[in-house]
Amino acid sequence: MIRDTIRKAVIYCRVSSTAQTKRGDGLGSQETRCREYARIRRYEVVQVFTDDLSGGAADRPGVKAMLAFLK
């Protein structure tokens, strides 16, 4: 019997403003799509990180938390 290897993944979702967190294309929608992708590819999602800041901002708390988690 071949045993499936469970691969682990993290999800990072970002929107540019706090207002976008509540819209249909906001953080929840992004997370749902990422989780579906992970499920299809047989990844176990171990953590989700989010930011509601512009992508131009280099000092995003969600990115920092994700990098610390991955270390």
Protein backbone atom coordinates (compact mmCIF):
# COMPACT_ATOMS: atom_id res chain seq x y z
CA MET A 1 0.00 0.00 0.00
CA ILE A 2 1.30 3.44 -0.91
CA ARG A 3 0.86 5.96 1.84
CA ASP A 4 -0.05 9.52 0.83
CA THR A 5 2.31 12.14 2.14
CA ILE A 6 0.51 15.04 3.75
CA ARG A 7 2.10 18.27 2.69
CA LYS A 8 1.65 21.33 4.85
CA ALA A 9 0.88 24.83 3.66
CA VAL A 10 0.25 28.32 4.96
CA ILE A 11 -2.12 30.81 3.40
CA TYR A 12 -1.43 34.52 3.06
CA CYS A 13 -4.32 36.82 2.13
CA ARG A 14 -4.06 40.56 1.62
CA VAL A 15 -6.33 43.41 0.70
CA SER A 16 -5.35 47.04 0.29
CA SER A 17 -7.74 48.56 2.82
CA THR A 18 -9.84 47.69 5.85
CA ALA A 19 -13.02 48.35 3.82
CA GLN A 20 -12.09 45.53 1.46
CA THR A 21 -12.09 43.00 4.29
CA LYS A 22 -15.90 42.92 4.13
CA ARG A 23 -16.48 42.83 0.35
CA GLY A 24 -17.08 39.69 -1.68
CA ASP A 25 -13.52 39.73 -3.01
CA GLY A 26 -12.04 40.34 0.41
CA LEU A 27 -10.02 38.27 2.82
CA GLY A 28 -12.69 35.63 3.38
CA SER A 29 -13.08 35.01 -0.33
CA GLN A 30 -9.32 34.74 -0.82
CA GLU A 31 -8.99 32.31 2.07
CA THR A 32 -11.84 30.17 0.73
CA ARG A 33 -10.21 29.93 -2.71
CA CYS A 34 -6.81 29.12 -1.19
CA ARG A 35 -8.29 26.43 1.05
CA GLU A 36 -10.06 24.86 -1.91
CA TYR A 37 -6.80 24.82 -3.88
CA ALA A 38 -5.02 23.23 -0.91
CA ARG A 39 -7.75 20.60 -0.51
CA ILE A 40 -7.61 19.62 -4.18
CA ARG A 41 -3.82 19.37 -4.05
CA ARG A 42 -3.90 17.53 -0.71
CA TYR A 43 -2.19 20.18 1.36
CA GLU A 44 -2.95 20.53 5.05
CA VAL A 45 -3.42 24.23 5.86
CA VAL A 46 -1.70 24.80 9.18
CA GLN A 47 -2.01 28.57 9.49
CA VAL A 48 -3.62 31.58 7.77
CA PHE A 49 -2.05 35.04 7.78
CA THR A 50 -3.76 38.24 6.67
CA ASP A 51 -3.07 41.90 6.06
CA ASP A 52 -5.32 44.82 5.19
CA LEU A 53 -2.55 47.12 4.00
CA SER A 54 -1.30 48.19 0.61
CA GLY A 55 1.08 45.78 -1.09
CA GLY A 56 3.48 48.71 -1.40
CA ALA A 57 3.93 48.76 2.37
CA ALA A 58 7.04 46.76 3.23
CA ASP A 59 6.25 46.51 6.94
CA ARG A 60 3.12 44.30 6.89
CA PRO A 61 2.35 42.51 10.18
CA GLY A 62 0.85 39.45 8.46
CA VAL A 63 3.98 38.91 6.35
CA LYS A 64 6.20 39.30 9.41
CA ALA A 65 4.10 36.80 11.38
CA MET A 66 4.15 34.33 8.48
CA LEU A 67 7.93 34.54 8.10
CA ALA A 68 8.40 34.07 11.86
CA PHE A 69 6.08 31.05 11.79
CA LEU A 70 7.97 29.51 8.88
CA LYS A 71 11.33 29.89 10.63
